[in-house]
Amino acid sequence: MMLHNRVRSLSAILVASAVFAFSSPVFAQDVTESHLKAARAAVAAIHATDPFDNILPQAAAALEQQLIQKNPDMQELIGKTITDKAMALASRRADLEKEAALAYAKVFSEKELNDIAAFYSSDSGKKLLDSGPTVTRDLVKAADIWQNGLARDLAQQVGETLAAAAKANAPAAPADATAPADGAAPAGGDGPADNTQN
């Protein structure tokens, strides 16, 4: 299952790269060399392609495992061959860097890319990249607590308002038949006779 997911991920990335490569020549002609250089600097500064570092090693490991299961007697040759071929393919990482630079150049101006590269190459920018995941994790925890408190208080306040409105709109309760008000005759007309004389 894991091998299947890896192969699917690798295939999706390769297809996306191929589509982008075929669709970008016209755009590539519009990008100046200095614009592309700024984009490459920004991509490097923000480590935009770092998440893809493990694609080739994972694909090689998955292929090696698959082939050794089928041909256990060729384990040494399979391992050496895959290592050699993977090393030869490693140079194609430059293709990904180029595509990443073109993608950023399509969205950001040369000046914006230079600003991005300058900031993320600074101590503050590097710290943001390094500490950002920790800060984000803490922020998510704080947001969860805040959300729960907000939902609780909203439900409580709305409940109190609705209860008060229901109480105010409730019809007056009828008088208790077993306890008549002072001077009132009890139900059934069996009250004491009027002793007043004309």
N, C-alpha and C. Protein backbone atom coordinates (compact mmCIF):
# COMPACT_ATOMS: atom_id res chain seq x y z
N MET A 1 0.84 -1.20 0.00
CA MET A 1 0.00 0.00 0.00
C MET A 1 0.87 1.25 0.00
N MET A 2 1.93 1.24 0.85
CA MET A 2 2.82 2.39 0.93
C MET A 2 3.55 2.58 -0.39
N LEU A 3 3.99 1.45 -0.99
CA LEU A 3 4.65 1.51 -2.29
C LEU A 3 3.71 2.09 -3.32
N HIS A 4 2.46 1.65 -3.29
CA HIS A 4 1.46 2.15 -4.23
C HIS A 4 1.29 3.67 -4.09
N ASN A 5 1.23 4.14 -2.85
CA ASN A 5 1.08 5.59 -2.60
C ASN A 5 2.30 6.35 -3.10
N ARG A 6 3.47 5.79 -2.87
CA ARG A 6 4.70 6.46 -3.33
C ARG A 6 4.74 6.56 -4.84
N VAL A 7 4.39 5.46 -5.49
CA VAL A 7 4.39 5.46 -6.95
C VAL A 7 3.37 6.45 -7.47
N ARG A 8 2.16 6.47 -6.84
CA ARG A 8 1.14 7.44 -7.27
C ARG A 8 1.62 8.86 -7.09
N SER A 9 2.27 9.15 -5.95
CA SER A 9 2.77 10.50 -5.70
C SER A 9 3.82 10.88 -6.73
N LEU A 10 4.75 9.96 -6.98
CA LEU A 10 5.80 10.22 -7.95
C LEU A 10 5.21 10.43 -9.34
N SER A 11 4.23 9.61 -9.70
CA SER A 11 3.60 9.74 -11.01
C SER A 11 2.88 11.08 -11.15
N ALA A 12 2.17 11.49 -10.08
CA ALA A 12 1.45 12.77 -10.12
C ALA A 12 2.41 13.93 -10.30
N ILE A 13 3.53 13.88 -9.60
CA ILE A 13 4.51 14.96 -9.71
C ILE A 13 5.13 14.99 -11.10
N LEU A 14 5.45 13.79 -11.62
CA LEU A 14 6.04 13.73 -12.96
C LEU A 14 5.07 14.24 -14.02
N VAL A 15 3.79 13.86 -13.89
CA VAL A 15 2.79 14.33 -14.84
C VAL A 15 2.64 15.84 -14.76
N ALA A 16 2.56 16.37 -13.52
CA ALA A 16 2.42 17.82 -13.35
C ALA A 16 3.63 18.55 -13.92
N SER A 17 4.82 17.99 -13.70
CA SER A 17 6.03 18.61 -14.23
C SER A 17 6.02 18.59 -15.76
N ALA A 18 5.57 17.48 -16.33
CA ALA A 18 5.52 17.37 -17.79
C ALA A 18 4.54 18.37 -18.37
N VAL A 19 3.36 18.48 -17.75
CA VAL A 19 2.35 19.43 -18.23
C VAL A 19 2.91 20.84 -18.16
N PHE A 20 3.53 21.17 -17.04
CA PHE A 20 4.08 22.51 -16.89
C PHE A 20 5.20 22.76 -17.89
N ALA A 21 6.04 21.75 -18.10
CA ALA A 21 7.16 21.91 -19.03
C ALA A 21 6.67 22.17 -20.45
N PHE A 22 5.59 21.46 -20.86
CA PHE A 22 5.07 21.66 -22.20
C PHE A 22 4.28 22.96 -22.34
N SER A 23 3.75 23.46 -21.23
CA SER A 23 2.93 24.67 -21.31
C SER A 23 3.73 25.93 -21.06
N SER A 24 4.99 25.81 -20.66
CA SER A 24 5.74 27.00 -20.27
C SER A 24 6.68 27.60 -21.30
N PRO A 25 6.95 26.98 -22.47
CA PRO A 25 7.92 27.59 -23.38
C PRO A 25 7.58 29.02 -23.79
N VAL A 26 6.31 29.29 -24.09
CA VAL A 26 5.96 30.66 -24.49
C VAL A 26 6.22 31.60 -23.32
N PHE A 27 5.81 31.17 -22.12
CA PHE A 27 6.03 32.00 -20.95
C PHE A 27 7.52 32.18 -20.68
N ALA A 28 8.30 31.08 -20.86
CA ALA A 28 9.73 31.15 -20.59
C ALA A 28 10.40 32.21 -21.46
N GLN A 29 9.88 32.43 -22.65
CA GLN A 29 10.47 33.44 -23.52
C GLN A 29 10.20 34.86 -22.99
N ASP A 30 9.11 35.02 -22.21
CA ASP A 30 8.77 36.33 -21.68
C ASP A 30 9.55 36.69 -20.41
N VAL A 31 10.17 35.71 -19.78
CA VAL A 31 10.89 35.94 -18.53
C VAL A 31 12.33 36.32 -18.85
N THR A 32 12.74 37.45 -18.34
CA THR A 32 14.13 37.87 -18.58
C THR A 32 15.06 37.03 -17.72
N GLU A 33 16.32 37.03 -18.08
CA GLU A 33 17.30 36.26 -17.31
C GLU A 33 17.42 36.78 -15.88
N SER A 34 17.33 38.10 -15.72
CA SER A 34 17.44 38.67 -14.37
C SER A 34 16.21 38.32 -13.53
N HIS A 35 15.05 38.28 -14.19
CA HIS A 35 13.81 37.89 -13.49
C HIS A 35 13.92 36.43 -13.02
N LEU A 36 14.40 35.57 -13.89
CA LEU A 36 14.56 34.16 -13.57
C LEU A 36 15.61 33.97 -12.47
N LYS A 37 16.64 34.77 -12.52
CA LYS A 37 17.69 34.70 -11.48
C LYS A 37 17.11 35.10 -10.13
N ALA A 38 16.29 36.13 -10.13
CA ALA A 38 15.64 36.57 -8.88
C ALA A 38 14.71 35.48 -8.36
N ALA A 39 14.01 34.82 -9.29
CA ALA A 39 13.10 33.74 -8.89
C ALA A 39 13.88 32.58 -8.29
N ARG A 40 15.00 32.24 -8.90
CA ARG A 40 15.82 31.15 -8.36
C ARG A 40 16.34 31.49 -6.97
N ALA A 41 16.72 32.74 -6.78
CA ALA A 41 17.20 33.17 -5.46
C ALA A 41 16.09 33.08 -4.42
N ALA A 42 14.89 33.47 -4.81
CA ALA A 42 13.74 33.40 -3.89
C ALA A 42 13.40 31.95 -3.56
N VAL A 43 13.39 31.09 -4.57
CA VAL A 43 13.10 29.67 -4.37
C VAL A 43 14.12 29.06 -3.41
N ALA A 44 15.39 29.40 -3.61
CA ALA A 44 16.44 28.88 -2.73
C ALA A 44 16.28 29.43 -1.31
N ALA A 45 15.96 30.72 -1.20
CA ALA A 45 15.85 31.34 0.12
C ALA A 45 14.71 30.77 0.94
N ILE A 46 13.61 30.44 0.30
CA ILE A 46 12.45 29.91 1.05
C ILE A 46 12.43 28.38 1.05
N HIS A 47 13.43 27.77 0.44
CA HIS A 47 13.52 26.30 0.40
C HIS A 47 12.26 25.69 -0.20
N ALA A 48 11.78 26.30 -1.27
CA ALA A 48 10.50 25.89 -1.87
C ALA A 48 10.50 24.45 -2.36
N THR A 49 11.65 23.96 -2.81
CA THR A 49 11.68 22.61 -3.37
C THR A 49 12.18 21.56 -2.37
N ASP A 50 12.50 21.97 -1.16
CA ASP A 50 13.00 21.02 -0.17
C ASP A 50 12.05 19.85 0.10
N PRO A 51 10.73 20.09 0.12
CA PRO A 51 9.83 18.95 0.38
C PRO A 51 9.95 17.82 -0.65
N PHE A 52 10.58 18.09 -1.78
CA PHE A 52 10.69 17.08 -2.83
C PHE A 52 12.04 16.34 -2.80
N ASP A 53 12.84 16.62 -1.78
CA ASP A 53 14.17 16.01 -1.69
C ASP A 53 14.13 14.49 -1.65
N ASN A 54 13.11 13.95 -1.03
CA ASN A 54 13.08 12.50 -0.82
C ASN A 54 12.40 11.71 -1.93
N ILE A 55 11.96 12.38 -2.96
CA ILE A 55 11.22 11.68 -4.01
C ILE A 55 12.08 10.61 -4.68
N LEU A 56 13.26 10.97 -5.14
CA LEU A 56 14.10 9.99 -5.83
C LEU A 56 14.57 8.89 -4.88
N PRO A 57 15.07 9.21 -3.67
CA PRO A 57 15.47 8.14 -2.76
C PRO A 57 14.31 7.20 -2.40
N GLN A 58 13.13 7.75 -2.21
CA GLN A 58 11.97 6.90 -1.87
C GLN A 58 11.59 6.01 -3.05
N ALA A 59 11.61 6.58 -4.25
CA ALA A 59 11.30 5.78 -5.43
C ALA A 59 12.33 4.67 -5.62
N ALA A 60 13.59 4.98 -5.38
CA ALA A 60 14.66 3.98 -5.51
C ALA A 60 14.49 2.88 -4.47
N ALA A 61 14.20 3.27 -3.22
CA ALA A 61 14.03 2.28 -2.14
C ALA A 61 12.83 1.38 -2.42
N ALA A 62 11.74 1.97 -2.88
CA ALA A 62 10.54 1.18 -3.18
C ALA A 62 10.81 0.20 -4.33
N LEU A 63 11.49 0.66 -5.36
CA LEU A 63 11.81 -0.20 -6.49
C LEU A 63 12.75 -1.33 -6.07
N GLU A 64 13.74 -0.98 -5.25
CA GLU A 64 14.69 -1.99 -4.77
C GLU A 64 13.96 -3.08 -3.98
N GLN A 65 13.09 -2.67 -3.08
CA GLN A 65 12.33 -3.64 -2.28
C GLN A 65 11.47 -4.54 -3.17
N GLN A 66 10.82 -3.94 -4.13
CA GLN A 66 9.95 -4.69 -5.04
C GLN A 66 10.75 -5.71 -5.85
N LEU A 67 11.88 -5.28 -6.40
CA LEU A 67 12.69 -6.17 -7.24
C LEU A 67 13.34 -7.28 -6.44
N ILE A 68 13.77 -6.96 -5.22
CA ILE A 68 14.41 -7.99 -4.39
C ILE A 68 13.40 -9.04 -3.97
N GLN A 69 12.16 -8.64 -3.74
CA GLN A 69 11.12 -9.63 -3.39
C GLN A 69 10.90 -10.60 -4.54
N LYS A 70 10.99 -10.10 -5.77
CA LYS A 70 10.78 -10.96 -6.94
C LYS A 70 12.04 -11.78 -7.27
N ASN A 71 13.21 -11.17 -7.00
CA ASN A 71 14.48 -11.81 -7.37
C ASN A 71 15.46 -11.75 -6.20
N PRO A 72 15.21 -12.46 -5.12
CA PRO A 72 16.08 -12.37 -3.94
C PRO A 72 17.53 -12.78 -4.22
N ASP A 73 17.74 -13.64 -5.21
CA ASP A 73 19.09 -14.08 -5.54
C ASP A 73 19.91 -12.99 -6.23
N MET A 74 19.26 -11.90 -6.66
CA MET A 74 19.97 -10.81 -7.35
C MET A 74 20.06 -9.55 -6.49
N GLN A 75 19.93 -9.70 -5.19
CA GLN A 75 19.86 -8.56 -4.28
C GLN A 75 21.04 -7.60 -4.45
N GLU A 76 22.23 -8.13 -4.50
CA GLU A 76 23.41 -7.27 -4.60
C GLU A 76 23.43 -6.49 -5.91
N LEU A 77 23.14 -7.16 -7.02
CA LEU A 77 23.13 -6.49 -8.32
C LEU A 77 22.01 -5.45 -8.38
N ILE A 78 20.84 -5.80 -7.83
CA ILE A 78 19.72 -4.86 -7.84
C ILE A 78 20.08 -3.60 -7.06
N GLY A 79 20.64 -3.78 -5.87
CA GLY A 79 21.01 -2.64 -5.03
C GLY A 79 22.02 -1.73 -5.72
N LYS A 80 23.06 -2.35 -6.31
CA LYS A 80 24.09 -1.55 -6.98
C LYS A 80 23.54 -0.84 -8.20
N THR A 81 22.73 -1.54 -8.99
CA THR A 81 22.17 -0.96 -10.21
C THR A 81 21.25 0.21 -9.89
N ILE A 82 20.40 0.03 -8.90
CA ILE A 82 19.48 1.11 -8.54
C ILE A 82 20.24 2.31 -8.01
N THR A 83 21.25 2.08 -7.20
CA THR A 83 22.05 3.20 -6.68
C THR A 83 22.72 3.96 -7.82
N ASP A 84 23.33 3.23 -8.75
CA ASP A 84 24.01 3.88 -9.89
C ASP A 84 23.03 4.68 -10.74
N LYS A 85 21.90 4.07 -11.06
CA LYS A 85 20.93 4.75 -11.91
C LYS A 85 20.29 5.94 -11.20
N ALA A 86 20.04 5.81 -9.92
CA ALA A 86 19.46 6.92 -9.16
C ALA A 86 20.45 8.09 -9.10
N MET A 87 21.71 7.78 -8.89
CA MET A 87 22.73 8.85 -8.86
C MET A 87 22.79 9.57 -10.21
N ALA A 88 22.65 8.83 -11.28
CA ALA A 88 22.69 9.44 -12.62
C ALA A 88 21.47 10.34 -12.83
N LEU A 89 20.33 9.95 -12.24
CA LEU A 89 19.12 10.76 -12.39
C LEU A 89 19.08 11.98 -11.46
N ALA A 90 19.94 11.99 -10.46
CA ALA A 90 19.92 13.08 -9.48
C ALA A 90 20.15 14.44 -10.12
N SER A 91 20.88 14.47 -11.22
CA SER A 91 21.14 15.76 -11.88
C SER A 91 19.87 16.39 -12.42
N ARG A 92 18.82 15.59 -12.59
CA ARG A 92 17.56 16.14 -13.11
C ARG A 92 16.84 16.99 -12.07
N ARG A 93 17.41 17.05 -10.87
CA ARG A 93 16.84 17.95 -9.86
C ARG A 93 16.86 19.39 -10.37
N ALA A 94 17.81 19.71 -11.21
CA ALA A 94 17.89 21.06 -11.77
C ALA A 94 16.65 21.41 -12.58
N ASP A 95 16.03 20.40 -13.19
CA ASP A 95 14.79 20.64 -13.94
C ASP A 95 13.68 21.14 -13.01
N LEU A 96 13.60 20.53 -11.83
CA LEU A 96 12.59 20.95 -10.86
C LEU A 96 12.87 22.38 -10.38
N GLU A 97 14.13 22.68 -10.15
CA GLU A 97 14.49 24.04 -9.71
C GLU A 97 14.10 25.07 -10.78
N LYS A 98 14.30 24.71 -12.03
CA LYS A 98 13.94 25.62 -13.12
C LYS A 98 12.43 25.82 -13.18
N GLU A 99 11.69 24.72 -13.06
CA GLU A 99 10.23 24.82 -13.10
C GLU A 99 9.71 25.64 -11.92
N ALA A 100 10.33 25.46 -10.76
CA ALA A 100 9.92 26.23 -9.57
C ALA A 100 10.18 27.71 -9.79
N ALA A 101 11.34 28.03 -10.36
CA ALA A 101 11.67 29.42 -10.62
C ALA A 101 10.68 30.04 -11.61
N LEU A 102 10.34 29.29 -12.64
CA LEU A 102 9.36 29.79 -13.62
C LEU A 102 7.99 30.01 -12.98
N ALA A 103 7.60 29.09 -12.10
CA ALA A 103 6.31 29.22 -11.42
C ALA A 103 6.27 30.48 -10.56
N TYR A 104 7.35 30.76 -9.85
CA TYR A 104 7.39 31.97 -9.02
C TYR A 104 7.49 33.23 -9.88
N ALA A 105 8.24 33.15 -10.97
CA ALA A 105 8.37 34.31 -11.86
C ALA A 105 7.04 34.66 -12.50
N LYS A 106 6.19 33.67 -12.68
CA LYS A 106 4.88 33.90 -13.29
C LYS A 106 3.98 34.73 -12.37
N VAL A 107 4.18 34.60 -11.06
CA VAL A 107 3.32 35.26 -10.08
C VAL A 107 3.93 36.55 -9.52
N PHE A 108 5.24 36.54 -9.31
CA PHE A 108 5.90 37.66 -8.65
C PHE A 108 6.79 38.43 -9.63
N SER A 109 6.82 39.74 -9.42
CA SER A 109 7.71 40.57 -10.24
C SER A 109 9.16 40.35 -9.81
N GLU A 110 10.07 40.82 -10.61
CA GLU A 110 11.48 40.68 -10.29
C GLU A 110 11.81 41.37 -8.97
N LYS A 111 11.25 42.57 -8.77
CA LYS A 111 11.50 43.30 -7.52
C LYS A 111 10.95 42.53 -6.32
N GLU A 112 9.74 41.99 -6.46
CA GLU A 112 9.14 41.22 -5.36
C GLU A 112 9.98 40.00 -5.02
N LEU A 113 10.48 39.34 -6.05
CA LEU A 113 11.32 38.17 -5.82
C LEU A 113 12.62 38.55 -5.13
N ASN A 114 13.20 39.67 -5.52
CA ASN A 114 14.41 40.14 -4.85
C ASN A 114 14.13 40.48 -3.39
N ASP A 115 12.96 41.08 -3.13
CA ASP A 115 12.57 41.40 -1.74
C ASP A 115 12.38 40.12 -0.93
N ILE A 116 11.73 39.13 -1.54
CA ILE A 116 11.51 37.86 -0.85
C ILE A 116 12.84 37.19 -0.52
N ALA A 117 13.72 37.15 -1.51
CA ALA A 117 15.03 36.52 -1.29
C ALA A 117 15.81 37.26 -0.22
N ALA A 118 15.75 38.60 -0.25
CA ALA A 118 16.49 39.39 0.73
C ALA A 118 15.97 39.13 2.14
N PHE A 119 14.65 39.10 2.29
CA PHE A 119 14.09 38.89 3.63
C PHE A 119 14.42 37.49 4.15
N TYR A 120 14.16 36.46 3.33
CA TYR A 120 14.36 35.10 3.81
C TYR A 120 15.83 34.70 3.89
N SER A 121 16.71 35.53 3.35
CA SER A 121 18.14 35.31 3.53
C SER A 121 18.66 36.04 4.76
N SER A 122 17.85 36.94 5.32
CA SER A 122 18.24 37.67 6.53
C SER A 122 18.08 36.78 7.75
N ASP A 123 18.64 37.21 8.87
CA ASP A 123 18.51 36.44 10.11
C ASP A 123 17.05 36.28 10.50
N SER A 124 16.27 37.35 10.34
CA SER A 124 14.84 37.28 10.70
C SER A 124 14.10 36.30 9.80
N GLY A 125 14.38 36.34 8.51
CA GLY A 125 13.73 35.43 7.58
C GLY A 125 14.10 33.98 7.84
N LYS A 126 15.38 33.74 8.12
CA LYS A 126 15.82 32.38 8.43
C LYS A 126 15.16 31.88 9.70
N LYS A 127 15.04 32.77 10.69
CA LYS A 127 14.39 32.36 11.94
C LYS A 127 12.91 32.06 11.70
N LEU A 128 12.27 32.84 10.83
CA LEU A 128 10.87 32.59 10.51
C LEU A 128 10.70 31.22 9.87
N LEU A 129 11.60 30.86 8.95
CA LEU A 129 11.54 29.55 8.32
C LEU A 129 11.79 28.44 9.32
N ASP A 130 12.78 28.64 10.19
CA ASP A 130 13.14 27.60 11.16
C ASP A 130 12.09 27.44 12.26
N SER A 131 11.60 28.57 12.78
CA SER A 131 10.68 28.54 13.91
C SER A 131 9.22 28.58 13.51
N GLY A 132 8.95 28.86 12.25
CA GLY A 132 7.57 28.97 11.78
C GLY A 132 6.70 27.77 12.11
N PRO A 133 7.18 26.53 11.86
CA PRO A 133 6.34 25.37 12.18
C PRO A 133 5.98 25.27 13.66
N THR A 134 6.94 25.61 14.54
CA THR A 134 6.67 25.57 15.99
C THR A 134 5.64 26.62 16.36
N VAL A 135 5.81 27.83 15.81
CA VAL A 135 4.86 28.91 16.09
C VAL A 135 3.48 28.54 15.57
N THR A 136 3.43 27.97 14.38
CA THR A 136 2.15 27.57 13.80
C THR A 136 1.46 26.51 14.65
N ARG A 137 2.24 25.54 15.14
CA ARG A 137 1.68 24.50 16.00
C ARG A 137 1.08 25.11 17.27
N ASP A 138 1.82 26.05 17.90
CA ASP A 138 1.33 26.72 19.10
C ASP A 138 0.09 27.56 18.80
N LEU A 139 0.10 28.20 17.64
CA LEU A 139 -1.05 29.02 17.24
C LEU A 139 -2.29 28.15 17.04
N VAL A 140 -2.11 26.98 16.44
CA VAL A 140 -3.25 26.07 16.23
C VAL A 140 -3.83 25.62 17.58
N LYS A 141 -2.95 25.32 18.54
CA LYS A 141 -3.43 24.94 19.88
C LYS A 141 -4.21 26.08 20.51
N ALA A 142 -3.65 27.30 20.44
CA ALA A 142 -4.32 28.47 21.01
C ALA A 142 -5.66 28.72 20.32
N ALA A 143 -5.68 28.55 19.02
CA ALA A 143 -6.92 28.77 18.27
C ALA A 143 -7.98 27.74 18.65
N ASP A 144 -7.57 26.50 18.93
CA ASP A 144 -8.52 25.48 19.36
C ASP A 144 -9.15 25.86 20.70
N ILE A 145 -8.31 26.29 21.64
CA ILE A 145 -8.82 26.70 22.96
C ILE A 145 -9.75 27.89 22.80
N TRP A 146 -9.34 28.86 22.01
CA TRP A 146 -10.15 30.06 21.77
C TRP A 146 -11.48 29.70 21.13
N GLN A 147 -11.43 28.81 20.14
CA GLN A 147 -12.66 28.38 19.43
C GLN A 147 -13.62 27.69 20.39
N ASN A 148 -13.09 26.79 21.22
CA ASN A 148 -13.94 26.07 22.16
C ASN A 148 -14.59 27.02 23.16
N GLY A 149 -13.80 27.98 23.67
CA GLY A 149 -14.34 28.96 24.61
C GLY A 149 -15.38 29.85 23.96
N LEU A 150 -15.12 30.24 22.73
CA LEU A 150 -16.06 31.09 22.00
C LEU A 150 -17.38 30.36 21.76
N ALA A 151 -17.29 29.11 21.32
CA ALA A 151 -18.49 28.32 21.06
C ALA A 151 -19.28 28.09 22.35
N ARG A 152 -18.56 27.81 23.45
CA ARG A 152 -19.23 27.60 24.73
C ARG A 152 -19.97 28.84 25.19
N ASP A 153 -19.27 29.99 25.14
CA ASP A 153 -19.87 31.25 25.61
C ASP A 153 -21.03 31.67 24.71
N LEU A 154 -20.89 31.46 23.40
CA LEU A 154 -21.97 31.79 22.48
C LEU A 154 -23.21 30.96 22.80
N ALA A 155 -23.01 29.64 22.99
CA ALA A 155 -24.14 28.76 23.29
C ALA A 155 -24.80 29.15 24.62
N GLN A 156 -23.98 29.47 25.60
CA GLN A 156 -24.52 29.85 26.91
C GLN A 156 -25.32 31.14 26.83
N GLN A 157 -24.76 32.16 26.18
CA GLN A 157 -25.44 33.45 26.10
C GLN A 157 -26.72 33.37 25.27
N VAL A 158 -26.69 32.64 24.19
CA VAL A 158 -27.89 32.48 23.38
C VAL A 158 -28.94 31.70 24.16
N GLY A 159 -28.51 30.64 24.87
CA GLY A 159 -29.43 29.86 25.68
C GLY A 159 -30.12 30.70 26.75
N GLU A 160 -29.34 31.55 27.41
CA GLU A 160 -29.91 32.41 28.45
C GLU A 160 -30.92 33.39 27.86
N THR A 161 -30.59 33.98 26.71
CA THR A 161 -31.49 34.93 26.07
C THR A 161 -32.79 34.25 25.63
N LEU A 162 -32.67 33.06 25.04
CA LEU A 162 -33.86 32.34 24.59
C LEU A 162 -34.73 31.89 25.78
N ALA A 163 -34.09 31.47 26.86
CA ALA A 163 -34.84 31.06 28.04
C ALA A 163 -35.61 32.23 28.64
N ALA A 164 -34.96 33.41 28.69
CA ALA A 164 -35.63 34.59 29.21
C ALA A 164 -36.79 34.99 28.32
N ALA A 165 -36.63 34.90 27.00
CA ALA A 165 -37.70 35.25 26.08
C ALA A 165 -38.85 34.26 26.20
N ALA A 166 -38.54 32.98 26.35
CA ALA A 166 -39.59 31.98 26.50
C ALA A 166 -40.37 32.20 27.79
N LYS A 167 -39.67 32.58 28.83
CA LYS A 167 -40.34 32.83 30.12
C LYS A 167 -41.25 34.04 30.02
N ALA A 168 -40.80 35.09 29.36
CA ALA A 168 -41.59 36.32 29.23
C ALA A 168 -42.83 36.10 28.36
N ASN A 169 -42.73 35.21 27.38
CA ASN A 169 -43.85 34.97 26.46
C ASN A 169 -44.78 33.84 26.91
N ALA A 170 -44.46 33.19 28.03
CA ALA A 170 -45.29 32.07 28.49
C ALA A 170 -46.63 32.59 28.97
N PRO A 171 -47.75 31.89 28.67
CA PRO A 171 -49.07 32.33 29.16
C PRO A 171 -49.10 32.26 30.68
N ALA A 172 -49.91 33.16 31.29
CA ALA A 172 -50.01 33.18 32.75
C ALA A 172 -50.58 31.86 33.21
N ALA A 173 -50.01 31.33 34.25
CA ALA A 173 -50.48 30.05 34.78
C ALA A 173 -51.84 30.25 35.43
N PRO A 174 -52.82 29.33 35.22
CA PRO A 174 -54.15 29.46 35.86
C PRO A 174 -54.02 29.31 37.37
N ALA A 175 -54.96 29.96 38.10
CA ALA A 175 -54.91 29.90 39.56
C ALA A 175 -55.13 28.48 40.01
N ASP A 176 -54.49 28.13 41.08
CA ASP A 176 -54.60 26.79 41.63
C ASP A 176 -55.99 26.59 42.20
N ALA A 177 -56.74 25.61 41.71
CA ALA A 177 -58.14 25.41 42.10
C ALA A 177 -58.28 25.01 43.56
N THR A 178 -57.26 24.44 44.11
CA THR A 178 -57.36 23.99 45.51
C THR A 178 -57.04 25.10 46.49
N ALA A 179 -56.51 26.17 46.02
CA ALA A 179 -56.17 27.27 46.93
C ALA A 179 -56.70 28.55 46.35
N PRO A 180 -58.01 28.87 46.55
CA PRO A 180 -58.58 30.08 45.97
C PRO A 180 -57.98 31.32 46.60
N ALA A 181 -58.02 32.36 45.82
CA ALA A 181 -57.51 33.64 46.33
C ALA A 181 -58.42 34.12 47.44
N ASP A 182 -57.92 35.00 48.29
CA ASP A 182 -58.70 35.55 49.40
C ASP A 182 -59.98 36.17 48.90
N GLY A 183 -61.14 35.79 49.52
CA GLY A 183 -62.42 36.38 49.17
C GLY A 183 -63.07 35.78 47.96
N ALA A 184 -62.37 34.87 47.28
CA ALA A 184 -62.94 34.28 46.06
C ALA A 184 -63.63 32.99 46.43
N ALA A 185 -64.70 32.70 45.75
CA ALA A 185 -65.42 31.46 46.02
C ALA A 185 -64.68 30.32 45.39
N PRO A 186 -64.61 29.20 46.10
CA PRO A 186 -63.95 28.06 45.49
C PRO A 186 -64.76 27.57 44.32
N ALA A 187 -64.12 26.80 43.49
CA ALA A 187 -64.79 26.26 42.31
C ALA A 187 -65.97 25.40 42.73
N GLY A 188 -67.04 25.42 41.98
CA GLY A 188 -68.21 24.61 42.28
C GLY A 188 -69.32 25.37 42.97
N GLY A 189 -69.11 26.61 43.39
CA GLY A 189 -70.15 27.46 43.98
C GLY A 189 -70.57 27.05 45.37
N ASP A 190 -69.78 26.24 46.06
CA ASP A 190 -70.16 25.79 47.42
C ASP A 190 -69.56 26.69 48.48
N GLY A 191 -69.40 27.91 48.21
CA GLY A 191 -68.78 28.82 49.17
C GLY A 191 -69.73 29.13 50.31
N PRO A 192 -69.26 29.76 51.36
CA PRO A 192 -70.10 30.12 52.49
C PRO A 192 -71.20 31.07 52.09
N ALA A 193 -72.34 30.97 52.72
CA ALA A 193 -73.49 31.85 52.38
C ALA A 193 -73.19 33.26 52.79
N ASP A 194 -73.81 34.15 52.04
CA ASP A 194 -73.61 35.57 52.35
C ASP A 194 -74.46 35.91 53.58
N ASN A 195 -73.82 36.30 54.65
CA ASN A 195 -74.53 36.60 55.90
C ASN A 195 -75.02 38.01 56.00
N THR A 196 -74.78 38.79 55.01
CA THR A 196 -75.23 40.19 55.09
C THR A 196 -76.73 40.24 54.86
N GLN A 197 -77.41 41.08 55.61
CA GLN A 197 -78.86 41.21 55.46
C GLN A 197 -79.20 42.55 54.84
N ASN A 198 -80.35 42.51 54.13
CA ASN A 198 -80.80 43.73 53.49
C ASN A 198 -81.49 44.60 54.50
